[in-house]
Protein backbone atom coordinates (compact mmCIF):
# COMPACT_ATOMS: atom_id res chain seq x y z
CA UNK A 1 0.00 0.00 0.00
CA UNK A 2 1.34 3.45 -0.85
CA UNK A 3 0.94 6.32 1.62
CA UNK A 4 2.93 9.40 2.49
CA UNK A 5 4.88 8.85 5.69
CA UNK A 6 4.82 12.07 7.73
CA UNK A 7 7.30 10.89 10.35
CA UNK A 8 9.93 10.08 7.74
CA UNK A 9 9.17 13.24 5.76
CA UNK A 10 9.86 15.25 8.93
CA UNK A 11 12.96 13.22 9.77
CA UNK A 12 11.27 11.87 12.93
CA UNK A 13 11.77 8.07 12.80
CA UNK A 14 11.23 8.01 16.60
CA UNK A 15 7.54 8.62 15.83
CA UNK A 16 7.46 5.19 14.16
CA UNK A 17 8.18 3.24 17.34
CA UNK A 18 5.78 0.67 18.79
CA UNK A 19 2.61 2.21 20.19
CA UNK A 20 0.84 -0.78 21.72
CA UNK A 21 1.38 -4.00 23.63
CA UNK A 22 3.86 -2.61 26.15
CA UNK A 23 4.15 -5.10 28.99
CA UNK A 24 1.65 -7.45 27.30
CA UNK A 25 3.72 -10.23 25.68
CA UNK A 26 0.68 -12.55 25.80
CA UNK A 27 -1.07 -10.12 23.41
CA UNK A 28 1.69 -10.18 20.81
CA UNK A 29 4.15 -7.83 22.49
CA UNK A 30 5.05 -4.36 21.32
CA UNK A 31 3.56 -3.42 17.95
CA UNK A 32 3.05 -0.24 15.96
CA UNK A 33 -0.73 -0.31 15.52
CA UNK A 34 -1.88 3.15 16.64
CA UNK A 35 -1.39 5.65 13.84
CA UNK A 36 -2.75 8.82 12.32
CA UNK A 37 -3.99 9.22 8.76
CA UNK A 38 -4.35 12.41 6.75
CA UNK A 39 -4.90 13.33 3.11
CA UNK A 40 -1.82 13.68 0.83
CA UNK A 41 -2.48 17.43 0.54
CA UNK A 42 -2.62 17.87 4.29
CA UNK A 43 0.63 16.04 5.03
CA UNK A 44 2.37 19.23 3.92
CA UNK A 45 0.81 20.93 6.96
CA UNK A 46 2.26 18.50 9.52
CA UNK A 47 4.96 20.22 11.56
CA UNK A 48 5.48 17.60 14.27
CA UNK A 49 4.71 13.93 14.97
CA UNK A 50 5.35 12.49 18.42
CA UNK A 51 4.52 9.23 20.18
CA UNK A 52 3.63 10.02 23.82
CA UNK A 53 4.35 7.50 26.57
CA UNK A 54 1.02 6.80 28.26
CA UNK A 55 2.09 3.49 29.81
CA UNK A 56 0.97 4.66 33.25
CA UNK A 57 -2.69 4.45 32.12
CA UNK A 58 -2.81 2.09 29.12
CA UNK A 59 -0.67 -0.25 27.02
CA UNK A 60 -1.32 2.01 24.00
CA UNK A 61 0.79 5.13 23.48
CA UNK A 62 -0.84 8.25 22.05
CA UNK A 63 0.19 9.62 18.65
CA UNK A 64 0.27 13.43 18.61
CA UNK A 65 0.24 15.25 15.26
CA UNK A 66 0.66 19.04 15.08
CA UNK A 67 -0.50 20.91 11.98
CA UNK A 68 0.25 24.39 10.66
CA UNK A 69 -3.15 26.08 10.47
CA UNK A 70 -2.24 28.06 7.33
CA UNK A 71 -0.82 25.04 5.49
CA UNK A 72 -3.78 22.88 6.54
CA UNK A 73 -6.14 25.47 5.02
CA UNK A 74 -4.14 25.30 1.77
CA UNK A 75 -4.34 21.51 1.80
CA UNK A 76 -8.07 21.51 2.42
CA UNK A 77 -8.54 23.88 -0.53
CA UNK A 78 -6.20 21.67 -2.63
CA UNK A 79 -4.14 24.74 -3.58
CA UNK A 80 -0.82 22.94 -2.94
CA UNK A 81 0.72 19.88 -4.56
CA UNK A 82 0.40 16.70 -2.46
CA UNK A 83 3.56 14.88 -1.43
CA UNK A 84 4.26 11.71 -3.40
CA UNK A 85 3.32 8.37 -1.80
CA UNK A 86 5.79 6.44 0.33
CA UNK A 87 5.96 2.65 0.20
CA UNK A 88 5.11 1.61 3.77
CA UNK A 89 6.31 -1.93 3.16
CA UNK A 90 9.82 -0.53 3.78
CA UNK A 91 8.87 0.79 7.24
CA UNK A 92 10.33 -1.29 10.03
PDB file of N, CA and C in Angstrom:
ATOM      1  N   UNK A   1       0.838  -1.168   0.000  1.00  0.00           N
ATOM      2  CA  UNK A   1       0.000   0.000   0.000  1.00  0.00           C
ATOM      3  C   UNK A   1       0.895   1.246   0.000  1.00  0.00           C
ATOM      4  N   UNK A   2       0.546   2.222  -0.766  1.00  0.00           N
ATOM      5  CA  UNK A   2       1.336   3.445  -0.855  1.00  0.00           C
ATOM      6  C   UNK A   2       0.663   4.569  -0.072  1.00  0.00           C
ATOM      7  N   UNK A   3       1.400   5.175   0.839  1.00  0.00           N
ATOM      8  CA  UNK A   3       0.942   6.321   1.621  1.00  0.00           C
ATOM      9  C   UNK A   3       2.129   7.246   1.818  1.00  0.00           C
ATOM     10  N   UNK A   4       1.857   8.480   2.129  1.00  0.00           N
ATOM     11  CA  UNK A   4       2.928   9.395   2.489  1.00  0.00           C
ATOM     12  C   UNK A   4       3.217   9.213   3.968  1.00  0.00           C
ATOM     13  N   UNK A   5       4.471   9.099   4.319  1.00  0.00           N
ATOM     14  CA  UNK A   5       4.880   8.851   5.689  1.00  0.00           C
ATOM     15  C   UNK A   5       5.360  10.160   6.312  1.00  0.00           C
ATOM     16  N   UNK A   6       4.515  10.774   7.129  1.00  0.00           N
ATOM     17  CA  UNK A   6       4.820  12.071   7.731  1.00  0.00           C
ATOM     18  C   UNK A   6       6.024  12.033   8.645  1.00  0.00           C
ATOM     19  N   UNK A   7       6.174  10.976   9.429  1.00  0.00           N
ATOM     20  CA  UNK A   7       7.295  10.888  10.350  1.00  0.00           C
ATOM     21  C   UNK A   7       8.622  10.880   9.594  1.00  0.00           C
ATOM     22  N   UNK A   8       8.690  10.106   8.530  1.00  0.00           N
ATOM     23  CA  UNK A   8       9.929  10.076   7.744  1.00  0.00           C
ATOM     24  C   UNK A   8      10.139  11.388   6.988  1.00  0.00           C
ATOM     25  N   UNK A   9       9.061  11.965   6.472  1.00  0.00           N
ATOM     26  CA  UNK A   9       9.165  13.243   5.764  1.00  0.00           C
ATOM     27  C   UNK A   9       9.747  14.316   6.679  1.00  0.00           C
ATOM     28  N   UNK A  10       9.371  14.281   7.964  1.00  0.00           N
ATOM     29  CA  UNK A  10       9.861  15.253   8.934  1.00  0.00           C
ATOM     30  C   UNK A  10      11.192  14.854   9.559  1.00  0.00           C
ATOM     31  N   UNK A  11      11.719  13.688   9.172  1.00  0.00           N
ATOM     32  CA  UNK A  11      12.963  13.222   9.771  1.00  0.00           C
ATOM     33  C   UNK A  11      12.783  12.811  11.222  1.00  0.00           C
ATOM     34  N   UNK A  12      11.605  12.253  11.561  1.00  0.00           N
ATOM     35  CA  UNK A  12      11.269  11.866  12.929  1.00  0.00           C
ATOM     36  C   UNK A  12      11.001  10.365  13.026  1.00  0.00           C
ATOM     37  N   UNK A  13      12.012   9.516  12.744  1.00  0.00           N
ATOM     38  CA  UNK A  13      11.773   8.074  12.804  1.00  0.00           C
ATOM     39  C   UNK A  13      11.372   7.596  14.196  1.00  0.00           C
ATOM     40  N   UNK A  14      11.652   8.381  15.248  1.00  0.00           N
ATOM     41  CA  UNK A  14      11.232   8.008  16.599  1.00  0.00           C
ATOM     42  C   UNK A  14       9.709   7.933  16.705  1.00  0.00           C
ATOM     43  N   UNK A  15       9.004   8.644  15.834  1.00  0.00           N
ATOM     44  CA  UNK A  15       7.539   8.615  15.834  1.00  0.00           C
ATOM     45  C   UNK A  15       6.995   7.336  15.214  1.00  0.00           C
ATOM     46  N   UNK A  16       7.876   6.459  14.749  1.00  0.00           N
ATOM     47  CA  UNK A  16       7.456   5.187  14.160  1.00  0.00           C
ATOM     48  C   UNK A  16       7.597   4.026  15.138  1.00  0.00           C
ATOM     49  N   UNK A  17       7.977   4.319  16.380  1.00  0.00           N
ATOM     50  CA  UNK A  17       8.184   3.242  17.343  1.00  0.00           C
ATOM     51  C   UNK A  17       6.869   2.564  17.719  1.00  0.00           C
ATOM     52  N   UNK A  18       6.965   1.426  18.378  1.00  0.00           N
ATOM     53  CA  UNK A  18       5.776   0.666  18.794  1.00  0.00           C
ATOM     54  C   UNK A  18       4.875   1.524  19.659  1.00  0.00           C
ATOM     55  N   UNK A  19       3.572   1.416  19.426  1.00  0.00           N
ATOM     56  CA  UNK A  19       2.606   2.211  20.187  1.00  0.00           C
ATOM     57  C   UNK A  19       1.681   1.367  21.047  1.00  0.00           C
ATOM     58  N   UNK A  20       1.765   0.066  20.962  1.00  0.00           N
ATOM     59  CA  UNK A  20       0.844  -0.784  21.721  1.00  0.00           C
ATOM     60  C   UNK A  20       1.534  -2.054  22.186  1.00  0.00           C
ATOM     61  N   UNK A  21       0.902  -2.710  23.149  1.00  0.00           N
ATOM     62  CA  UNK A  21       1.380  -4.002  23.625  1.00  0.00           C
ATOM     63  C   UNK A  21       2.494  -3.924  24.636  1.00  0.00           C
ATOM     64  N   UNK A  22       2.781  -2.750  25.166  1.00  0.00           N
ATOM     65  CA  UNK A  22       3.855  -2.605  26.149  1.00  0.00           C
ATOM     66  C   UNK A  22       3.512  -3.389  27.418  1.00  0.00           C
ATOM     67  N   UNK A  23       4.381  -4.297  27.799  1.00  0.00           N
ATOM     68  CA  UNK A  23       4.151  -5.099  28.986  1.00  0.00           C
ATOM     69  C   UNK A  23       3.070  -6.154  28.802  1.00  0.00           C
ATOM     70  N   UNK A  24       2.698  -6.453  27.565  1.00  0.00           N
ATOM     71  CA  UNK A  24       1.651  -7.452  27.303  1.00  0.00           C
ATOM     72  C   UNK A  24       2.158  -8.490  26.292  1.00  0.00           C
ATOM     73  N   UNK A  25       3.193  -9.249  26.638  1.00  0.00           N
ATOM     74  CA  UNK A  25       3.722 -10.231  25.679  1.00  0.00           C
ATOM     75  C   UNK A  25       2.694 -11.277  25.262  1.00  0.00           C
ATOM     76  N   UNK A  26       1.723 -11.574  26.132  1.00  0.00           N
ATOM     77  CA  UNK A  26       0.684 -12.554  25.803  1.00  0.00           C
ATOM     78  C   UNK A  26      -0.287 -12.019  24.746  1.00  0.00           C
ATOM     79  N   UNK A  27      -0.221 -10.715  24.447  1.00  0.00           N
ATOM     80  CA  UNK A  27      -1.072 -10.120  23.411  1.00  0.00           C
ATOM     81  C   UNK A  27      -0.278  -9.814  22.144  1.00  0.00           C
ATOM     82  N   UNK A  28       0.886 -10.392  22.008  1.00  0.00           N
ATOM     83  CA  UNK A  28       1.694 -10.181  20.808  1.00  0.00           C
ATOM     84  C   UNK A  28       2.883  -9.272  21.017  1.00  0.00           C
ATOM     85  N   UNK A  29       3.013  -8.705  22.216  1.00  0.00           N
ATOM     86  CA  UNK A  29       4.148  -7.833  22.493  1.00  0.00           C
ATOM     87  C   UNK A  29       3.992  -6.469  21.841  1.00  0.00           C
ATOM     88  N   UNK A  30       5.082  -5.721  21.853  1.00  0.00           N
ATOM     89  CA  UNK A  30       5.049  -4.361  21.321  1.00  0.00           C
ATOM     90  C   UNK A  30       4.829  -4.359  19.818  1.00  0.00           C
ATOM     91  N   UNK A  31       3.891  -3.534  19.367  1.00  0.00           N
ATOM     92  CA  UNK A  31       3.557  -3.417  17.954  1.00  0.00           C
ATOM     93  C   UNK A  31       3.220  -1.969  17.648  1.00  0.00           C
ATOM     94  N   UNK A  32       3.427  -1.573  16.400  1.00  0.00           N
ATOM     95  CA  UNK A  32       3.048  -0.235  15.961  1.00  0.00           C
ATOM     96  C   UNK A  32       1.677  -0.337  15.299  1.00  0.00           C
ATOM     97  N   UNK A  33       0.608  -0.183  16.096  1.00  0.00           N
ATOM     98  CA  UNK A  33      -0.728  -0.311  15.524  1.00  0.00           C
ATOM     99  C   UNK A  33      -1.535   0.979  15.602  1.00  0.00           C
ATOM    100  N   UNK A  34      -1.168   1.883  16.525  1.00  0.00           N
ATOM    101  CA  UNK A  34      -1.882   3.148  16.636  1.00  0.00           C
ATOM    102  C   UNK A  34      -1.199   4.148  15.708  1.00  0.00           C
ATOM    103  N   UNK A  35      -1.981   4.733  14.825  1.00  0.00           N
ATOM    104  CA  UNK A  35      -1.389   5.646  13.842  1.00  0.00           C
ATOM    105  C   UNK A  35      -2.389   6.722  13.476  1.00  0.00           C
ATOM    106  N   UNK A  36      -1.931   7.673  12.738  1.00  0.00           N
ATOM    107  CA  UNK A  36      -2.748   8.817  12.323  1.00  0.00           C
ATOM    108  C   UNK A  36      -2.742   8.884  10.798  1.00  0.00           C
ATOM    109  N   UNK A  37      -3.894   9.099  10.205  1.00  0.00           N
ATOM    110  CA  UNK A  37      -3.992   9.220   8.756  1.00  0.00           C
ATOM    111  C   UNK A  37      -4.441  10.625   8.388  1.00  0.00           C
ATOM    112  N   UNK A  38      -3.927  11.116   7.280  1.00  0.00           N
ATOM    113  CA  UNK A  38      -4.348  12.410   6.753  1.00  0.00           C
ATOM    114  C   UNK A  38      -4.248  12.365   5.232  1.00  0.00           C
ATOM    115  N   UNK A  39      -4.909  13.290   4.574  1.00  0.00           N
ATOM    116  CA  UNK A  39      -4.898  13.332   3.108  1.00  0.00           C
ATOM    117  C   UNK A  39      -3.512  13.744   2.594  1.00  0.00           C
ATOM    118  N   UNK A  40      -3.133  13.318   1.388  1.00  0.00           N
ATOM    119  CA  UNK A  40      -1.824  13.678   0.833  1.00  0.00           C
ATOM    120  C   UNK A  40      -1.590  15.191   0.768  1.00  0.00           C
ATOM    121  N   UNK A  41      -2.638  15.969   0.581  1.00  0.00           N
ATOM    122  CA  UNK A  41      -2.478  17.430   0.536  1.00  0.00           C
ATOM    123  C   UNK A  41      -2.175  17.979   1.921  1.00  0.00           C
ATOM    124  N   UNK A  42      -2.759  17.358   2.935  1.00  0.00           N
ATOM    125  CA  UNK A  42      -2.620  17.873   4.294  1.00  0.00           C
ATOM    126  C   UNK A  42      -1.317  17.467   4.967  1.00  0.00           C
ATOM    127  N   UNK A  43      -0.640  16.455   4.426  1.00  0.00           N
ATOM    128  CA  UNK A  43       0.630  16.038   5.025  1.00  0.00           C
ATOM    129  C   UNK A  43       1.648  17.174   4.982  1.00  0.00           C
ATOM    130  N   UNK A  44       1.501  18.068   4.002  1.00  0.00           N
ATOM    131  CA  UNK A  44       2.372  19.231   3.917  1.00  0.00           C
ATOM    132  C   UNK A  44       2.216  20.157   5.116  1.00  0.00           C
ATOM    133  N   UNK A  45       1.090  20.064   5.813  1.00  0.00           N
ATOM    134  CA  UNK A  45       0.814  20.929   6.958  1.00  0.00           C
ATOM    135  C   UNK A  45       1.356  20.369   8.275  1.00  0.00           C
ATOM    136  N   UNK A  46       1.774  19.110   8.286  1.00  0.00           N
ATOM    137  CA  UNK A  46       2.263  18.503   9.524  1.00  0.00           C
ATOM    138  C   UNK A  46       3.609  19.113   9.891  1.00  0.00           C
ATOM    139  N   UNK A  47       3.690  19.636  11.112  1.00  0.00           N
ATOM    140  CA  UNK A  47       4.956  20.220  11.562  1.00  0.00           C
ATOM    141  C   UNK A  47       5.621  19.403  12.662  1.00  0.00           C
ATOM    142  N   UNK A  48       4.877  18.457  13.261  1.00  0.00           N
ATOM    143  CA  UNK A  48       5.483  17.597  14.273  1.00  0.00           C
ATOM    144  C   UNK A  48       4.651  16.326  14.436  1.00  0.00           C
ATOM    145  N   UNK A  49       5.347  15.214  14.673  1.00  0.00           N
ATOM    146  CA  UNK A  49       4.715  13.929  14.974  1.00  0.00           C
ATOM    147  C   UNK A  49       5.466  13.347  16.160  1.00  0.00           C
ATOM    148  N   UNK A  50       4.725  13.002  17.209  1.00  0.00           N
ATOM    149  CA  UNK A  50       5.347  12.486  18.424  1.00  0.00           C
ATOM    150  C   UNK A  50       4.522  11.328  18.965  1.00  0.00           C
ATOM    151  N   UNK A  51       5.192  10.301  19.468  1.00  0.00           N
ATOM    152  CA  UNK A  51       4.518   9.232  20.184  1.00  0.00           C
ATOM    153  C   UNK A  51       4.712   9.525  21.669  1.00  0.00           C
ATOM    154  N   UNK A  52       3.598   9.671  22.396  1.00  0.00           N
ATOM    155  CA  UNK A  52       3.632  10.016  23.817  1.00  0.00           C
ATOM    156  C   UNK A  52       3.518   8.764  24.671  1.00  0.00           C
ATOM    157  N   UNK A  53       4.375   8.645  25.657  1.00  0.00           N
ATOM    158  CA  UNK A  53       4.348   7.497  26.571  1.00  0.00           C
ATOM    159  C   UNK A  53       3.168   7.655  27.526  1.00  0.00           C
ATOM    160  N   UNK A  54       2.182   6.797  27.371  1.00  0.00           N
ATOM    161  CA  UNK A  54       1.019   6.800  28.264  1.00  0.00           C
ATOM    162  C   UNK A  54       0.912   5.464  28.996  1.00  0.00           C
ATOM    163  N   UNK A  55       2.069   4.820  29.210  1.00  0.00           N
ATOM    164  CA  UNK A  55       2.095   3.486  29.809  1.00  0.00           C
ATOM    165  C   UNK A  55       1.598   3.470  31.248  1.00  0.00           C
ATOM    166  N   UNK A  56       1.480   4.633  31.882  1.00  0.00           N
ATOM    167  CA  UNK A  56       0.971   4.664  33.249  1.00  0.00           C
ATOM    168  C   UNK A  56      -0.549   4.475  33.303  1.00  0.00           C
ATOM    169  N   UNK A  57      -1.226   4.610  32.143  1.00  0.00           N
ATOM    170  CA  UNK A  57      -2.686   4.454  32.123  1.00  0.00           C
ATOM    171  C   UNK A  57      -3.188   3.411  31.124  1.00  0.00           C
ATOM    172  N   UNK A  58      -2.375   3.047  30.143  1.00  0.00           N
ATOM    173  CA  UNK A  58      -2.806   2.090  29.119  1.00  0.00           C
ATOM    174  C   UNK A  58      -1.587   1.466  28.453  1.00  0.00           C
ATOM    175  N   UNK A  59      -1.785   0.353  27.751  1.00  0.00           N
ATOM    176  CA  UNK A  59      -0.671  -0.255  27.016  1.00  0.00           C
ATOM    177  C   UNK A  59      -0.578   0.301  25.602  1.00  0.00           C
ATOM    178  N   UNK A  60      -1.387   1.319  25.282  1.00  0.00           N
ATOM    179  CA  UNK A  60      -1.321   2.009  23.998  1.00  0.00           C
ATOM    180  C   UNK A  60      -0.749   3.408  24.200  1.00  0.00           C
ATOM    181  N   UNK A  61       0.256   3.770  23.431  1.00  0.00           N
ATOM    182  CA  UNK A  61       0.785   5.127  23.480  1.00  0.00           C
ATOM    183  C   UNK A  61      -0.018   6.019  22.543  1.00  0.00           C
ATOM    184  N   UNK A  62      -0.100   7.281  22.870  1.00  0.00           N
ATOM    185  CA  UNK A  62      -0.839   8.246  22.052  1.00  0.00           C
ATOM    186  C   UNK A  62       0.058   8.787  20.943  1.00  0.00           C
ATOM    187  N   UNK A  63      -0.528   9.011  19.772  1.00  0.00           N
ATOM    188  CA  UNK A  63       0.185   9.622  18.655  1.00  0.00           C
ATOM    189  C   UNK A  63      -0.305  11.061  18.545  1.00  0.00           C
ATOM    190  N   UNK A  64       0.613  12.003  18.671  1.00  0.00           N
ATOM    191  CA  UNK A  64       0.275  13.432  18.615  1.00  0.00           C
ATOM    192  C   UNK A  64       0.783  14.002  17.293  1.00  0.00           C
ATOM    193  N   UNK A  65      -0.111  14.629  16.532  1.00  0.00           N
ATOM    194  CA  UNK A  65       0.238  15.248  15.259  1.00  0.00           C
ATOM    195  C   UNK A  65      -0.110  16.730  15.348  1.00  0.00           C
ATOM    196  N   UNK A  66       0.864  17.590  15.045  1.00  0.00           N
ATOM    197  CA  UNK A  66       0.662  19.043  15.085  1.00  0.00           C
ATOM    198  C   UNK A  66       0.668  19.564  13.654  1.00  0.00           C
ATOM    199  N   UNK A  67      -0.356  20.340  13.318  1.00  0.00           N
ATOM    200  CA  UNK A  67      -0.497  20.912  11.978  1.00  0.00           C
ATOM    201  C   UNK A  67      -0.286  22.424  11.998  1.00  0.00           C
ATOM    202  N   UNK A  68       0.241  22.955  10.907  1.00  0.00           N
ATOM    203  CA  UNK A  68       0.246  24.395  10.658  1.00  0.00           C
ATOM    204  C   UNK A  68      -1.151  24.757  10.177  1.00  0.00           C
ATOM    205  N   UNK A  69      -1.792  25.700  10.853  1.00  0.00           N
ATOM    206  CA  UNK A  69      -3.154  26.084  10.472  1.00  0.00           C
ATOM    207  C   UNK A  69      -3.199  26.619   9.041  1.00  0.00           C
ATOM    208  N   UNK A  70      -2.259  27.471   8.671  1.00  0.00           N
ATOM    209  CA  UNK A  70      -2.240  28.064   7.328  1.00  0.00           C
ATOM    210  C   UNK A  70      -2.029  27.002   6.255  1.00  0.00           C
ATOM    211  N   UNK A  71      -1.087  26.091   6.487  1.00  0.00           N
ATOM    212  CA  UNK A  71      -0.818  25.040   5.494  1.00  0.00           C
ATOM    213  C   UNK A  71      -1.970  24.040   5.419  1.00  0.00           C
ATOM    214  N   UNK A  72      -2.628  23.784   6.554  1.00  0.00           N
ATOM    215  CA  UNK A  72      -3.778  22.884   6.538  1.00  0.00           C
ATOM    216  C   UNK A  72      -4.907  23.493   5.704  1.00  0.00           C
ATOM    217  N   UNK A  73      -5.113  24.799   5.827  1.00  0.00           N
ATOM    218  CA  UNK A  73      -6.141  25.467   5.022  1.00  0.00           C
ATOM    219  C   UNK A  73      -5.819  25.331   3.535  1.00  0.00           C
ATOM    220  N   UNK A  74      -4.539  25.476   3.170  1.00  0.00           N
ATOM    221  CA  UNK A  74      -4.137  25.304   1.766  1.00  0.00           C
ATOM    222  C   UNK A  74      -4.416  23.878   1.302  1.00  0.00           C
ATOM    223  N   UNK A  75      -4.108  22.905   2.158  1.00  0.00           N
ATOM    224  CA  UNK A  75      -4.338  21.513   1.805  1.00  0.00           C
ATOM    225  C   UNK A  75      -5.814  21.199   1.638  1.00  0.00           C
ATOM    226  N   UNK A  76      -6.629  21.741   2.520  1.00  0.00           N
ATOM    227  CA  UNK A  76      -8.069  21.505   2.422  1.00  0.00           C
ATOM    228  C   UNK A  76      -8.664  22.134   1.166  1.00  0.00           C
ATOM    229  N   UNK A  77      -8.077  23.238   0.713  1.00  0.00           N
ATOM    230  CA  UNK A  77      -8.537  23.884  -0.526  1.00  0.00           C
ATOM    231  C   UNK A  77      -7.896  23.255  -1.762  1.00  0.00           C
ATOM    232  N   UNK A  78      -6.937  22.336  -1.542  1.00  0.00           N
ATOM    233  CA  UNK A  78      -6.202  21.670  -2.631  1.00  0.00           C
ATOM    234  C   UNK A  78      -5.419  22.673  -3.481  1.00  0.00           C
ATOM    235  N   UNK A  79      -4.900  23.727  -2.844  1.00  0.00           N
ATOM    236  CA  UNK A  79      -4.136  24.740  -3.578  1.00  0.00           C
ATOM    237  C   UNK A  79      -2.634  24.468  -3.544  1.00  0.00           C
ATOM    238  N   UNK A  80      -2.228  23.329  -2.942  1.00  0.00           N
ATOM    239  CA  UNK A  80      -0.823  22.945  -2.939  1.00  0.00           C
ATOM    240  C   UNK A  80      -0.700  21.536  -3.515  1.00  0.00           C
ATOM    241  N   UNK A  81       0.476  21.197  -3.974  1.00  0.00           N
ATOM    242  CA  UNK A  81       0.721  19.882  -4.555  1.00  0.00           C
ATOM    243  C   UNK A  81       0.911  18.857  -3.438  1.00  0.00           C
ATOM    244  N   UNK A  82       0.225  17.718  -3.497  1.00  0.00           N
ATOM    245  CA  UNK A  82       0.403  16.696  -2.459  1.00  0.00           C
ATOM    246  C   UNK A  82       1.794  16.073  -2.548  1.00  0.00           C
ATOM    247  N   UNK A  83       2.289  15.596  -1.419  1.00  0.00           N
ATOM    248  CA  UNK A  83       3.558  14.880  -1.430  1.00  0.00           C
ATOM    249  C   UNK A  83       3.360  13.535  -2.114  1.00  0.00           C
ATOM    250  N   UNK A  84       4.400  13.014  -2.754  1.00  0.00           N
ATOM    251  CA  UNK A  84       4.263  11.713  -3.405  1.00  0.00           C
ATOM    252  C   UNK A  84       4.098  10.611  -2.364  1.00  0.00           C
ATOM    253  N   UNK A  85       3.510   9.481  -2.737  1.00  0.00           N
ATOM    254  CA  UNK A  85       3.320   8.374  -1.798  1.00  0.00           C
ATOM    255  C   UNK A  85       4.640   7.751  -1.375  1.00  0.00           C
ATOM    256  N   UNK A  86       4.634   7.135  -0.222  1.00  0.00           N
ATOM    257  CA  UNK A  86       5.790   6.440   0.334  1.00  0.00           C
ATOM    258  C   UNK A  86       5.399   4.971   0.488  1.00  0.00           C
ATOM    259  N   UNK A  87       6.256   4.067   0.104  1.00  0.00           N
ATOM    260  CA  UNK A  87       5.962   2.647   0.204  1.00  0.00           C
ATOM    261  C   UNK A  87       6.148   2.198   1.652  1.00  0.00           C
ATOM    262  N   UNK A  88       5.041   1.972   2.364  1.00  0.00           N
ATOM    263  CA  UNK A  88       5.107   1.609   3.774  1.00  0.00           C
ATOM    264  C   UNK A  88       5.620   0.195   4.009  1.00  0.00           C
ATOM    265  N   UNK A  89       5.770  -0.592   2.965  1.00  0.00           N
ATOM    266  CA  UNK A  89       6.311  -1.932   3.162  1.00  0.00           C
ATOM    267  C   UNK A  89       7.781  -1.855   3.576  1.00  0.00           C
ATOM    268  N   UNK A  90       8.422  -0.693   3.381  1.00  0.00           N
ATOM    269  CA  UNK A  90       9.815  -0.530   3.778  1.00  0.00           C
ATOM    270  C   UNK A  90       9.951   0.008   5.195  1.00  0.00           C
ATOM    271  N   UNK A  91       8.832   0.280   5.888  1.00  0.00           N
ATOM    272  CA  UNK A  91       8.869   0.789   7.241  1.00  0.00           C
ATOM    273  C   UNK A  91       9.089  -0.370   8.189  1.00  0.00           C
ATOM    274  N   UNK A  92      10.063  -0.222   9.056  1.00  0.00           N
ATOM    275  CA  UNK A  92      10.332  -1.290  10.027  1.00  0.00           C
ATOM    276  C   UNK A  92       9.704  -0.992  11.353  1.00  0.00           C
TER     277      UNK A  92
END
